[in-house]
C-alpha atoms as a PDB file:
ATOM      1  CA  MET A   1      61.534 114.119 131.824  1.00  0.00           C
ATOM      2  CA  SER A   2      60.102 112.133 128.762  1.00  0.00           C
ATOM      3  CA  TRP A   3      62.317 109.795 127.254  1.00  0.00           C
ATOM      4  CA  LYS A   4      64.071 111.069 124.255  1.00  0.00           C
ATOM      5  CA  PRO A   5      66.666 109.247 121.486  1.00  0.00           C
ATOM      6  CA  LYS A   6      69.670 110.884 120.306  1.00  0.00           C
ATOM      7  CA  TYR A   7      69.849 110.983 116.667  1.00  0.00           C
ATOM      8  CA  LEU A   8      70.928 112.817 113.919  1.00  0.00           C
ATOM      9  CA  ILE A   9      68.633 112.578 110.441  1.00  0.00           C
ATOM     10  CA  SER A  10      71.615 112.897 107.654  1.00  0.00           C
ATOM     11  CA  ASP A  11      71.939 113.075 104.238  1.00  0.00           C
ATOM     12  CA  ARG A  12      71.935 109.224 103.899  1.00  0.00           C
ATOM     13  CA  LEU A  13      69.215 108.655 105.769  1.00  0.00           C
ATOM     14  CA  LEU A  14      67.198 111.319 104.265  1.00  0.00           C
ATOM     15  CA  LEU A  15      67.565 109.764 101.004  1.00  0.00           C
ATOM     16  CA  THR A  16      66.903 106.115 101.555  1.00  0.00           C
ATOM     17  CA  ILE A  17      63.589 107.421 103.425  1.00  0.00           C
ATOM     18  CA  ARG A  18      62.890 108.801  99.731  1.00  0.00           C
ATOM     19  CA  GLU A  19      63.978 105.823  98.011  1.00  0.00           C
ATOM     20  CA  ILE A  20      61.639 103.685 100.333  1.00  0.00           C
ATOM     21  CA  GLY A  21      58.869 106.425  99.478  1.00  0.00           C
ATOM     22  CA  GLU A  22      59.455 105.892  95.977  1.00  0.00           C
ATOM     23  CA  SER A  23      59.674 101.870  95.763  1.00  0.00           C
ATOM     24  CA  LEU A  24      56.705 101.768  97.705  1.00  0.00           C
ATOM     25  CA  GLY A  25      54.884 104.166  94.894  1.00  0.00           C
ATOM     26  CA  GLU A  26      56.337 101.971  91.995  1.00  0.00           C
ATOM     27  CA  ILE A  27      54.843  98.874  93.311  1.00  0.00           C
ATOM     28  CA  LYS A  28      51.903 100.455  93.945  1.00  0.00           C
ATOM     29  CA  SER A  29      51.851 102.062  90.515  1.00  0.00           C
ATOM     30  CA  PHE A  30      51.243  98.272  89.670  1.00  0.00           C
ATOM     31  CA  ARG A  31      47.735  98.054  90.658  1.00  0.00           C
ATOM     32  CA  LEU A  32      48.070  95.062  92.354  1.00  0.00           C
ATOM     33  CA  SER A  33      45.030  92.763  92.713  1.00  0.00           C
ATOM     34  CA  GLY A  34      44.058  91.354  95.763  1.00  0.00           C
ATOM     35  CA  GLN A  35      45.441  87.971  94.611  1.00  0.00           C
ATOM     36  CA  ASP A  36      48.719  89.648  93.466  1.00  0.00           C
ATOM     37  CA  LEU A  37      48.822  91.086  97.446  1.00  0.00           C
ATOM     38  CA  ALA A  38      47.785  88.160  99.150  1.00  0.00           C
ATOM     39  CA  ARG A  39      50.665  85.752  97.566  1.00  0.00           C
ATOM     40  CA  LEU A  40      53.425  88.839  98.256  1.00  0.00           C
ATOM     41  CA  GLU A  41      52.066  88.797 101.724  1.00  0.00           C
ATOM     42  CA  LEU A  42      52.159  85.113 101.880  1.00  0.00           C
ATOM     43  CA  GLU A  43      55.629  85.027 100.785  1.00  0.00           C
ATOM     44  CA  ALA A  44      56.733  87.802 102.609  1.00  0.00           C
ATOM     45  CA  ARG A  45      55.318  86.152 106.082  1.00  0.00           C
ATOM     46  CA  GLU A  46      57.745  82.872 105.150  1.00  0.00           C
ATOM     47  CA  LEU A  47      60.402  84.860 104.106  1.00  0.00           C
ATOM     48  CA  SER A  48      59.992  86.456 107.827  1.00  0.00           C
ATOM     49  CA  THR A  49      59.165  83.564 109.588  1.00  0.00           C
ATOM     50  CA  PHE A  50      62.347  81.874 108.103  1.00  0.00           C
ATOM     51  CA  ALA A  51      64.915  85.067 109.059  1.00  0.00           C
ATOM     52  CA  SER A  52      63.852  85.776 111.972  1.00  0.00           C
ATOM     53  CA  THR A  53      64.012  82.237 113.630  1.00  0.00           C
ATOM     54  CA  SER A  54      67.218  81.770 112.163  1.00  0.00           C
ATOM     55  CA  ILE A  55      68.872  84.733 112.890  1.00  0.00           C
ATOM     56  CA  GLU A  56      68.307  82.927 116.585  1.00  0.00           C
ATOM     57  CA  GLY A  57      70.104  79.876 115.311  1.00  0.00           C
ATOM     58  CA  ASN A  58      66.965  77.503 113.818  1.00  0.00           C
ATOM     59  CA  PRO A  59      68.699  75.726 111.329  1.00  0.00           C
ATOM     60  CA  LEU A  60      65.465  74.866 109.069  1.00  0.00           C
ATOM     61  CA  PRO A  61      66.016  75.604 105.810  1.00  0.00           C
ATOM     62  CA  LEU A  62      63.656  78.054 103.931  1.00  0.00           C
ATOM     63  CA  THR A  63      61.816  74.759 101.609  1.00  0.00           C
ATOM     64  CA  ASP A  64      61.646  73.281 105.018  1.00  0.00           C
ATOM     65  CA  VAL A  65      59.497  76.319 106.763  1.00  0.00           C
ATOM     66  CA  LYS A  66      57.481  76.913 103.452  1.00  0.00           C
ATOM     67  CA  ARG A  67      56.253  73.132 103.835  1.00  0.00           C
ATOM     68  CA  LEU A  68      55.747  73.229 107.492  1.00  0.00           C
ATOM     69  CA  LEU A  69      53.205  76.322 107.530  1.00  0.00           C
ATOM     70  CA  LYS A  70      51.293  74.456 104.421  1.00  0.00           C
ATOM     71  CA  THR A  71      50.810  71.282 105.994  1.00  0.00           C
ATOM     72  CA  GLN A  72      50.544  72.734 109.727  1.00  0.00           C
ATOM     73  CA  LYS A  73      51.794  69.379 111.772  1.00  0.00           C
ATOM     74  CA  ASN A  74      49.813  68.644 115.005  1.00  0.00           C
ATOM     75  CA  THR A  75      53.315  66.676 116.853  1.00  0.00           C
ATOM     76  CA  VAL A  76      56.593  69.036 116.016  1.00  0.00           C
ATOM     77  CA  ARG A  77      60.043  69.510 117.317  1.00  0.00           C
ATOM     78  CA  GLU A  78      61.431  72.310 119.179  1.00  0.00           C
ATOM     79  CA  THR A  79      63.130  73.974 115.885  1.00  0.00           C
ATOM     80  CA  GLU A  80      59.437  73.675 114.519  1.00  0.00           C
ATOM     81  CA  ARG A  81      57.581  74.596 117.251  1.00  0.00           C
ATOM     82  CA  GLU A  82      59.688  78.052 116.965  1.00  0.00           C
ATOM     83  CA  VAL A  83      58.636  78.612 113.433  1.00  0.00           C
ATOM     84  CA  LEU A  84      55.276  77.760 113.860  1.00  0.00           C
ATOM     85  CA  ASN A  85      54.633  80.198 116.691  1.00  0.00           C
ATOM     86  CA  TYR A  86      56.502  83.207 114.829  1.00  0.00           C
ATOM     87  CA  ASN A  87      54.206  82.979 111.997  1.00  0.00           C
ATOM     88  CA  LYS A  88      51.078  82.373 114.309  1.00  0.00           C
ATOM     89  CA  ALA A  89      52.539  85.827 116.047  1.00  0.00           C
ATOM     90  CA  LEU A  90      52.870  87.485 113.125  1.00  0.00           C
ATOM     91  CA  GLN A  91      49.549  87.142 111.618  1.00  0.00           C
ATOM     92  CA  PHE A  92      48.160  87.832 114.965  1.00  0.00           C
ATOM     93  CA  LEU A  93      49.936  91.404 114.841  1.00  0.00           C
ATOM     94  CA  TYR A  94      48.476  91.967 110.777  1.00  0.00           C
ATOM     95  CA  GLY A  95      45.053  91.563 112.143  1.00  0.00           C
ATOM     96  CA  GLU A  96      45.819  94.056 114.588  1.00  0.00           C
ATOM     97  CA  VAL A  97      47.137  96.869 112.933  1.00  0.00           C
ATOM     98  CA  ARG A  98      44.883  96.208 109.912  1.00  0.00           C
ATOM     99  CA  SER A  99      41.586  96.651 112.305  1.00  0.00           C
ATOM    100  CA  GLY A 100      43.005  99.433 113.875  1.00  0.00           C
ATOM    101  CA  GLN A 101      43.133  97.378 117.164  1.00  0.00           C
ATOM    102  CA  LEU A 102      47.061  97.523 118.156  1.00  0.00           C
ATOM    103  CA  ARG A 103      47.338  98.667 121.206  1.00  0.00           C
ATOM    104  CA  LEU A 104      51.776 100.416 122.060  1.00  0.00           C
ATOM    105  CA  THR A 105      51.492  98.418 125.645  1.00  0.00           C
ATOM    106  CA  ILE A 106      53.289  96.620 127.966  1.00  0.00           C
ATOM    107  CA  LYS A 107      50.525  93.820 127.941  1.00  0.00           C
ATOM    108  CA  THR A 108      50.771  93.790 123.998  1.00  0.00           C
ATOM    109  CA  LEU A 109      54.544  93.088 124.391  1.00  0.00           C
ATOM    110  CA  GLU A 110      54.066  90.461 126.900  1.00  0.00           C
ATOM    111  CA  ARG A 111      51.188  88.618 124.304  1.00  0.00           C
ATOM    112  CA  VAL A 112      53.362  88.491 122.277  1.00  0.00           C
ATOM    113  CA  GLN A 113      56.761  87.013 123.419  1.00  0.00           C
ATOM    114  CA  GLY A 114      53.799  84.832 124.834  1.00  0.00           C
ATOM    115  CA  LYS A 115      53.042  83.437 121.752  1.00  0.00           C
ATOM    116  CA  VAL A 116      56.783  83.583 120.517  1.00  0.00           C
ATOM    117  CA  VAL A 117      58.014  80.999 123.253  1.00  0.00           C
ATOM    118  CA  ASP A 118      54.661  79.239 123.854  1.00  0.00           C
ATOM    119  CA  GLY A 119      56.056  75.147 124.566  1.00  0.00           C
ATOM    120  CA  LEU A 120      59.806  76.366 124.269  1.00  0.00           C
ATOM    121  CA  MET A 121      60.508  77.282 127.759  1.00  0.00           C
ATOM    122  CA  ASP A 122      61.288  75.613 130.936  1.00  0.00           C
ATOM    123  CA  ASN A 123      59.439  78.130 133.632  1.00  0.00           C
ATOM    124  CA  PRO A 124      56.181  78.793 132.062  1.00  0.00           C
ATOM    125  CA  ALA A 125      56.291  82.301 134.769  1.00  0.00           C
ATOM    126  CA  HIS A 126      59.084  83.579 131.581  1.00  0.00           C
ATOM    127  CA  CYS A 127      56.457  82.783 129.111  1.00  0.00           C
ATOM    128  CA  GLY A 128      54.308  86.072 128.776  1.00  0.00           C
ATOM    129  CA  SER A 129      55.767  88.434 131.274  1.00  0.00           C
ATOM    130  CA  LEU A 130      58.687  91.045 131.798  1.00  0.00           C
ATOM    131  CA  ARG A 131      61.838  89.399 133.269  1.00  0.00           C
ATOM    132  CA  ARG A 132      62.474  89.902 137.014  1.00  0.00           C
ATOM    133  CA  ALA A 133      65.857  88.880 137.065  1.00  0.00           C
ATOM    134  CA  PRO A 134      68.837  89.917 135.648  1.00  0.00           C
ATOM    135  CA  VAL A 135      70.321  88.928 132.439  1.00  0.00           C
ATOM    136  CA  LEU A 136      73.806  89.251 130.496  1.00  0.00           C
ATOM    137  CA  ILE A 137      74.174  89.022 127.119  1.00  0.00           C
ATOM    138  CA  ARG A 138      77.340  86.842 125.558  1.00  0.00           C
ATOM    139  CA  ASN A 139      79.461  86.439 122.986  1.00  0.00           C
ATOM    140  CA  PRO A 140      77.878  83.520 120.779  1.00  0.00           C
ATOM    141  CA  ARG A 141      81.428  82.230 119.980  1.00  0.00           C
ATOM    142  CA  ARG A 142      82.906  82.435 123.523  1.00  0.00           C
ATOM    143  CA  SER A 143      80.254  81.813 125.940  1.00  0.00           C
ATOM    144  CA  ASP A 144      82.398  83.122 128.905  1.00  0.00           C
ATOM    145  CA  GLU A 145      82.917  86.610 127.198  1.00  0.00           C
ATOM    146  CA  ILE A 146      80.016  88.937 128.693  1.00  0.00           C
ATOM    147  CA  VAL A 147      79.245  91.361 125.829  1.00  0.00           C
ATOM    148  CA  PHE A 148      76.635  93.804 127.583  1.00  0.00           C
ATOM    149  CA  ILE A 149      74.823  93.823 130.833  1.00  0.00           C
ATOM    150  CA  PRO A 150      71.173  95.007 130.250  1.00  0.00           C
ATOM    151  CA  PRO A 151      69.072  97.030 132.738  1.00  0.00           C
ATOM    152  CA  ASP A 152      68.763  96.092 135.576  1.00  0.00           C
ATOM    153  CA  SER A 153      64.916  94.276 136.295  1.00  0.00           C
ATOM    154  CA  LYS A 154      63.073  96.828 138.642  1.00  0.00           C
ATOM    155  CA  ASP A 155      64.080  99.517 135.615  1.00  0.00           C
ATOM    156  CA  VAL A 156      62.507  97.327 132.620  1.00  0.00           C
ATOM    157  CA  ARG A 157      58.821  98.290 132.927  1.00  0.00           C
ATOM    158  CA  LYS A 158      59.684 101.907 133.302  1.00  0.00           C
ATOM    159  CA  LEU A 159      62.250 101.947 130.224  1.00  0.00           C
ATOM    160  CA  LEU A 160      59.383  99.908 128.255  1.00  0.00           C
ATOM    161  CA  SER A 161      56.327 102.620 129.039  1.00  0.00           C
ATOM    162  CA  ASP A 162      58.942 105.671 128.053  1.00  0.00           C
ATOM    163  CA  LEU A 163      59.714 103.877 124.275  1.00  0.00           C
ATOM    164  CA  LEU A 164      56.193 102.911 124.098  1.00  0.00           C
ATOM    165  CA  LEU A 165      54.982 106.660 124.977  1.00  0.00           C
ATOM    166  CA  PHE A 166      57.737 108.329 122.731  1.00  0.00           C
ATOM    167  CA  ILE A 167      56.611 106.188 119.958  1.00  0.00           C
ATOM    168  CA  GLU A 168      52.778 106.510 120.652  1.00  0.00           C
ATOM    169  CA  ASN A 169      53.248 110.511 121.016  1.00  0.00           C
ATOM    170  CA  ASN A 170      55.239 110.941 117.747  1.00  0.00           C
ATOM    171  CA  ILE A 171      52.721 108.755 115.150  1.00  0.00           C
ATOM    172  CA  GLY A 172      52.433 111.437 112.437  1.00  0.00           C
ATOM    173  CA  LYS A 173      54.999 113.816 113.588  1.00  0.00           C
ATOM    174  CA  ILE A 174      57.917 111.128 112.472  1.00  0.00           C
ATOM    175  CA  ASP A 175      58.807 109.123 109.600  1.00  0.00           C
ATOM    176  CA  PRO A 176      57.283 105.776 110.129  1.00  0.00           C
ATOM    177  CA  VAL A 177      60.679 104.031 109.176  1.00  0.00           C
ATOM    178  CA  ILE A 178      62.412 106.141 111.636  1.00  0.00           C
ATOM    179  CA  LEU A 179      60.095 105.615 114.533  1.00  0.00           C
ATOM    180  CA  ALA A 180      60.192 101.465 113.980  1.00  0.00           C
ATOM    181  CA  GLY A 181      63.834 101.823 114.077  1.00  0.00           C
ATOM    182  CA  ILE A 182      64.020 103.607 117.297  1.00  0.00           C
ATOM    183  CA  PHE A 183      61.960 101.057 118.631  1.00  0.00           C
ATOM    184  CA  HIS A 184      63.393  97.903 117.321  1.00  0.00           C
ATOM    185  CA  ARG A 185      67.397  99.267 118.740  1.00  0.00           C
ATOM    186  CA  GLN A 186      65.869 100.209 122.318  1.00  0.00           C
ATOM    187  CA  TYR A 187      63.962  97.539 122.510  1.00  0.00           C
ATOM    188  CA  VAL A 188      67.223  95.176 122.276  1.00  0.00           C
ATOM    189  CA  ILE A 189      69.320  97.134 124.581  1.00  0.00           C
ATOM    190  CA  ILE A 190      66.551  96.871 127.102  1.00  0.00           C
ATOM    191  CA  HIS A 191      65.952  93.443 126.850  1.00  0.00           C
ATOM    192  CA  PRO A 192      62.628  93.283 128.445  1.00  0.00           C
ATOM    193  CA  PHE A 193      62.329  89.394 128.411  1.00  0.00           C
ATOM    194  CA  ILE A 194      64.199  85.832 129.777  1.00  0.00           C
ATOM    195  CA  ASP A 195      63.741  84.675 126.130  1.00  0.00           C
ATOM    196  CA  GLY A 196      62.465  85.504 123.098  1.00  0.00           C
ATOM    197  CA  ASN A 197      63.381  89.460 123.052  1.00  0.00           C
ATOM    198  CA  GLY A 198      64.751  89.061 119.253  1.00  0.00           C
ATOM    199  CA  ARG A 199      62.159  87.470 117.696  1.00  0.00           C
ATOM    200  CA  THR A 200      59.765  90.017 119.297  1.00  0.00           C
ATOM    201  CA  THR A 201      61.179  93.144 118.600  1.00  0.00           C
ATOM    202  CA  ARG A 202      61.306  92.346 114.995  1.00  0.00           C
ATOM    203  CA  LEU A 203      57.631  91.068 115.090  1.00  0.00           C
ATOM    204  CA  MET A 204      56.103  94.250 116.693  1.00  0.00           C
ATOM    205  CA  THR A 205      58.940  96.095 114.208  1.00  0.00           C
ATOM    206  CA  THR A 206      56.719  95.258 111.577  1.00  0.00           C
ATOM    207  CA  ALA A 207      53.576  95.928 113.665  1.00  0.00           C
ATOM    208  CA  ILE A 208      54.840  99.453 114.389  1.00  0.00           C
ATOM    209  CA  LEU A 209      55.679 100.080 110.824  1.00  0.00           C
ATOM    210  CA  GLY A 210      52.110  99.379 109.772  1.00  0.00           C
ATOM    211  CA  LYS A 211      50.345 100.900 112.405  1.00  0.00           C
ATOM    212  CA  THR A 212      52.197 104.523 112.453  1.00  0.00           C
ATOM    213  CA  GLY A 213      51.775 104.596 108.020  1.00  0.00           C
ATOM    214  CA  LEU A 214      54.110 102.819 106.292  1.00  0.00           C
ATOM    215  CA  ASP A 215      51.907 101.487 103.183  1.00  0.00           C
ATOM    216  CA  LEU A 216      52.520  97.732 102.277  1.00  0.00           C
ATOM    217  CA  PHE A 217      54.048  96.857 105.405  1.00  0.00           C
ATOM    218  CA  GLU A 218      53.118  93.300 104.478  1.00  0.00           C
ATOM    219  CA  VAL A 219      55.145  92.803 101.435  1.00  0.00           C
ATOM    220  CA  PHE A 220      58.312  92.621 102.665  1.00  0.00           C
ATOM    221  CA  SER A 221      60.298  90.374 105.204  1.00  0.00           C
ATOM    222  CA  PHE A 222      63.371  93.346 106.719  1.00  0.00           C
ATOM    223  CA  GLU A 223      64.518  90.493 108.890  1.00  0.00           C
ATOM    224  CA  ASN A 224      65.678  88.663 105.392  1.00  0.00           C
ATOM    225  CA  TYR A 225      68.379  91.571 105.537  1.00  0.00           C
ATOM    226  CA  TYR A 226      69.451  90.803 108.825  1.00  0.00           C
ATOM    227  CA  ASN A 227      69.725  87.447 108.370  1.00  0.00           C
ATOM    228  CA  ARG A 228      72.064  87.935 105.030  1.00  0.00           C
ATOM    229  CA  ASN A 229      74.408  89.373 107.322  1.00  0.00           C
ATOM    230  CA  VAL A 230      73.907  88.244 111.292  1.00  0.00           C
ATOM    231  CA  THR A 231      77.113  89.856 112.740  1.00  0.00           C
ATOM    232  CA  ARG A 232      76.587  92.705 111.216  1.00  0.00           C
ATOM    233  CA  TYR A 233      73.183  93.179 112.213  1.00  0.00           C
ATOM    234  CA  PHE A 234      74.167  92.246 116.100  1.00  0.00           C
ATOM    235  CA  LYS A 235      77.120  95.059 115.656  1.00  0.00           C
ATOM    236  CA  GLU A 236      74.370  97.407 114.560  1.00  0.00           C
ATOM    237  CA  VAL A 237      71.783  96.870 116.779  1.00  0.00           C
ATOM    238  CA  GLY A 238      73.614  95.818 120.144  1.00  0.00           C
ATOM    239  CA  LEU A 239      75.844  97.868 122.519  1.00  0.00           C
ATOM    240  CA  GLN A 240      78.858  96.725 124.366  1.00  0.00           C
ATOM    241  CA  GLY A 241      79.695  97.188 128.243  1.00  0.00           C
ATOM    242  CA  ASP A 242      77.279  98.100 130.797  1.00  0.00           C
ATOM    243  CA  TYR A 243      73.970 100.019 129.923  1.00  0.00           C
ATOM    244  CA  TYR A 244      73.976 102.118 132.971  1.00  0.00           C
ATOM    245  CA  ASP A 245      77.599 103.319 131.894  1.00  0.00           C
ATOM    246  CA  LEU A 246      76.160 103.923 128.111  1.00  0.00           C
ATOM    247  CA  ALA A 247      72.475 104.661 128.453  1.00  0.00           C
ATOM    248  CA  GLU A 248      73.152 108.879 128.341  1.00  0.00           C
ATOM    249  CA  GLU A 249      75.391 108.178 125.159  1.00  0.00           C
ATOM    250  CA  ILE A 250      72.946 106.292 122.801  1.00  0.00           C
ATOM    251  CA  ASP A 251      73.218 106.960 119.333  1.00  0.00           C
ATOM    252  CA  PHE A 252      71.004 105.738 116.959  1.00  0.00           C
ATOM    253  CA  SER A 253      71.923 107.733 113.634  1.00  0.00           C
ATOM    254  CA  ALA A 254      74.414 105.133 112.295  1.00  0.00           C
ATOM    255  CA  TRP A 255      71.898 102.310 113.205  1.00  0.00           C
ATOM    256  CA  LEU A 256      68.785 104.038 111.426  1.00  0.00           C
ATOM    257  CA  GLU A 257      71.091 104.269 108.110  1.00  0.00           C
ATOM    258  CA  TYR A 258      71.644 101.045 108.704  1.00  0.00           C
ATOM    259  CA  PHE A 259      67.405 100.180 109.246  1.00  0.00           C
ATOM    260  CA  ALA A 260      66.444 102.117 106.822  1.00  0.00           C
ATOM    261  CA  GLU A 261      68.551 100.275 104.179  1.00  0.00           C
ATOM    262  CA  GLY A 262      67.316  97.443 105.108  1.00  0.00           C
ATOM    263  CA  ILE A 263      63.729  97.683 104.354  1.00  0.00           C
ATOM    264  CA  LEU A 264      64.933  99.688 100.817  1.00  0.00           C
ATOM    265  CA  ASP A 265      67.055  96.857  99.585  1.00  0.00           C
ATOM    266  CA  GLU A 266      63.667  94.625 100.752  1.00  0.00           C
ATOM    267  CA  LEU A 267      61.600  97.081  98.618  1.00  0.00           C
ATOM    268  CA  ARG A 268      63.946  96.833  95.641  1.00  0.00           C
ATOM    269  CA  ARG A 269      63.953  92.742  95.937  1.00  0.00           C
ATOM    270  CA  VAL A 270      59.801  92.891  95.607  1.00  0.00           C
ATOM    271  CA  ARG A 271      59.899  94.888  93.119  1.00  0.00           C
ATOM    272  CA  LYS A 272      62.062  92.689  90.622  1.00  0.00           C
ATOM    273  CA  THR A 273      59.603  90.119  91.166  1.00  0.00           C
ATOM    274  CA  LEU A 274      56.934  92.086  89.660  1.00  0.00           C
ATOM    275  CA  PRO A 275      56.855  92.435  86.007  1.00  0.00           C
ATOM    276  CA  GLU A 276      56.132  89.089  85.140  1.00  0.00           C
ATOM    277  CA  ARG A 277      52.948  88.809  87.724  1.00  0.00           C
ATOM    278  CA  THR A 278      51.512  92.231  86.129  1.00  0.00           C
ATOM    279  CA  ALA A 279      52.887  92.507  82.753  1.00  0.00           C
ATOM    280  CA  ASP A 280      49.720  92.771  81.133  1.00  0.00           C
ATOM    281  CA  LYS A 281      48.654  95.424  83.550  1.00  0.00           C
ATOM    282  CA  PRO A 282      49.243  99.381  82.694  1.00  0.00           C
ATOM    283  CA  ARG A 283      52.312 100.200  84.385  1.00  0.00           C
ATOM    284  CA  LEU A 284      51.086 103.503  86.294  1.00  0.00           C
ATOM    285  CA  GLU A 285      53.673 106.274  88.150  1.00  0.00           C
ATOM    286  CA  ALA A 286      53.668 107.873  91.362  1.00  0.00           C
ATOM    287  CA  HIS A 287      52.026 111.112  89.844  1.00  0.00           C
ATOM    288  CA  HIS A 288      49.473 109.117  88.113  1.00  0.00           C
ATOM    289  CA  HIS A 289      48.759 107.765  92.035  1.00  0.00           C
ATOM    290  CA  GLN A 290      48.741 111.736  93.272  1.00  0.00           C
ATOM    291  CA  ILE A 291      46.018 112.628  90.796  1.00  0.00           C
ATOM    292  CA  LEU A 292      43.371 109.120  91.690  1.00  0.00           C
ATOM    293  CA  ASP A 293      44.070 110.017  95.356  1.00  0.00           C
ATOM    294  CA  TYR A 294      43.107 113.483  95.079  1.00  0.00           C
ATOM    295  CA  ILE A 295      40.093 112.644  93.382  1.00  0.00           C
ATOM    296  CA  GLU A 296      38.962 109.750  95.698  1.00  0.00           C
ATOM    297  CA  ALA A 297      39.287 112.078  98.504  1.00  0.00           C
ATOM    298  CA  LYS A 298      37.811 115.057  96.947  1.00  0.00           C
ATOM    299  CA  GLY A 299      35.777 113.392  94.103  1.00  0.00           C
ATOM    300  CA  SER A 300      37.086 115.698  91.134  1.00  0.00           C
ATOM    301  CA  ILE A 301      40.430 117.563  89.835  1.00  0.00           C
ATOM    302  CA  THR A 302      41.410 120.029  87.427  1.00  0.00           C
ATOM    303  CA  GLN A 303      44.821 121.046  85.881  1.00  0.00           C
ATOM    304  CA  ARG A 304      44.973 124.158  88.203  1.00  0.00           C
ATOM    305  CA  GLU A 305      44.429 121.965  91.354  1.00  0.00           C
ATOM    306  CA  TYR A 306      46.900 118.993  90.073  1.00  0.00           C
ATOM    307  CA  GLY A 307      49.269 122.192  89.444  1.00  0.00           C
ATOM    308  CA  GLY A 308      48.906 122.976  92.942  1.00  0.00           C
ATOM    309  CA  PHE A 309      51.056 119.932  94.658  1.00  0.00           C
ATOM    310  CA  SER A 310      52.530 118.916  91.563  1.00  0.00           C
ATOM    311  CA  THR A 311      55.620 119.931  90.473  1.00  0.00           C
ATOM    312  CA  ARG A 312      55.869 118.897  87.017  1.00  0.00           C
ATOM    313  CA  SER A 313      55.517 121.241  84.211  1.00  0.00           C
ATOM    314  CA  LEU A 314      52.208 121.808  82.383  1.00  0.00           C
ATOM    315  CA  ALA A 315      52.451 119.898  79.454  1.00  0.00           C
ATOM    316  CA  ALA A 316      53.754 116.694  81.315  1.00  0.00           C
ATOM    317  CA  ARG A 317      50.464 117.600  83.322  1.00  0.00           C
ATOM    318  CA  LYS A 318      48.142 117.158  80.683  1.00  0.00           C
ATOM    319  CA  ILE A 319      50.370 113.846  79.574  1.00  0.00           C
ATOM    320  CA  ASP A 320      49.141 112.202  82.338  1.00  0.00           C
ATOM    321  CA  PHE A 321      45.767 112.925  82.356  1.00  0.00           C
ATOM    322  CA  ASP A 322      45.850 111.875  79.192  1.00  0.00           C
ATOM    323  CA  LYS A 323      47.099 108.936  79.827  1.00  0.00           C
ATOM    324  CA  LEU A 324      44.813 108.053  82.604  1.00  0.00           C
ATOM    325  CA  VAL A 325      41.437 108.846  80.239  1.00  0.00           C
ATOM    326  CA  LYS A 326      43.218 106.469  77.588  1.00  0.00           C
ATOM    327  CA  LEU A 327      43.027 103.299  80.529  1.00  0.00           C
ATOM    328  CA  ASN A 328      39.839 104.461  81.272  1.00  0.00           C
ATOM    329  CA  LEU A 329      40.521 105.229  85.038  1.00  0.00           C
ATOM    330  CA  VAL A 330      39.479 108.569  84.422  1.00  0.00           C
ATOM    331  CA  GLU A 331      36.794 110.973  82.357  1.00  0.00           C
ATOM    332  CA  VAL A 332      36.660 114.592  81.078  1.00  0.00           C
ATOM    333  CA  ARG A 333      33.649 116.604  82.149  1.00  0.00           C
ATOM    334  CA  GLY A 334      33.095 120.205  81.201  1.00  0.00           C
ATOM    335  CA  VAL A 335      35.145 122.244  78.800  1.00  0.00           C
ATOM    336  CA  GLY A 336      37.455 124.885  78.021  1.00  0.00           C
ATOM    337  CA  ARG A 337      38.143 126.502  81.290  1.00  0.00           C
ATOM    338  CA  GLY A 338      35.843 124.291  83.104  1.00  0.00           C
ATOM    339  CA  THR A 339      37.058 120.793  82.312  1.00  0.00           C
ATOM    340  CA  TYR A 340      37.481 118.530  85.426  1.00  0.00           C
ATOM    341  CA  TYR A 341      38.342 115.011  85.890  1.00  0.00           C
ATOM    342  CA  VAL A 342      36.395 112.348  87.727  1.00  0.00           C
ATOM    343  CA  LYS A 343      37.009 108.926  88.152  1.00  0.00           C
ATOM    344  CA  LYS A 344      35.365 106.405  85.519  1.00  0.00           C
ATOM    345  CA  ASN A 345      32.004 105.051  86.557  1.00  0.00           C
ATOM    346  CA  GLY A 346      32.536 101.761  87.587  1.00  0.00           C
ATOM    347  CA  LEU A 347      35.672 101.901  88.830  1.00  0.00           C
END
């Protein structure tokens, strides 16, 4: 029987996912230029690299991380290598997602983990290979206290395969936020490598958000949300006890609420940075983009067609078209009942 995670879609989760969609629509309404998007992506990558390595105990402040990523020093300390490795892996995954080449396989996970721990492990055999030994998760404040015993190494490959198959089979069927959240926690529970699990998890979660269809996945850093309260993050994502005693009862519901809230929090942060950058650009709402996207797909749109998928009143729909015409984004063709709208020439 194929693996199936246990979770409930609560009203709180539904509301957060809806607000994520609204926030994405609001950010897209600024019709950001390529330069704007590149700047946002750079800032998110810097923040993700800082936050994700900081979660694991890296002491470098954000200012030093930004400076390091710009200078790309040849001789680096271990803390700096950790930062450079994460940034390199993140850029690699961006490219894989954008090109449509990202494959959800164990080899991909091994490749990413190999990039994360490159030059940082005493035993090269642990770099880019699933663990072949048991591991214990200890209390970071009391090393003699065992918090969690992950699955045996002999079961890791099967557990990972089941997880990846679940994600792959449900792309387009389950919301990207839910899929990425399920991946994130189950991966942490499996703990498939000797080291680099947390960083690899967060990297692959970003990639899965992009692969499963979340727009603008490159411009926000959910790792930043976790880094602001690391204790809560570890509490929400982890388990306490022996995996085999807990496996049948693992519930992802509360974690998914927390995970979604982290994405929404970050999108709101990004949104707050936009007005001063785009104050000279026309403001478009989500319904305006629905019209433009429809024209892009179909070539034209009529009032009746717009009414077929919009819940806005007839008067509001007319105002929507008038605004797009005034902004020179669409033009009117035909007369009377034969009136329709097309993309403005040259756009």
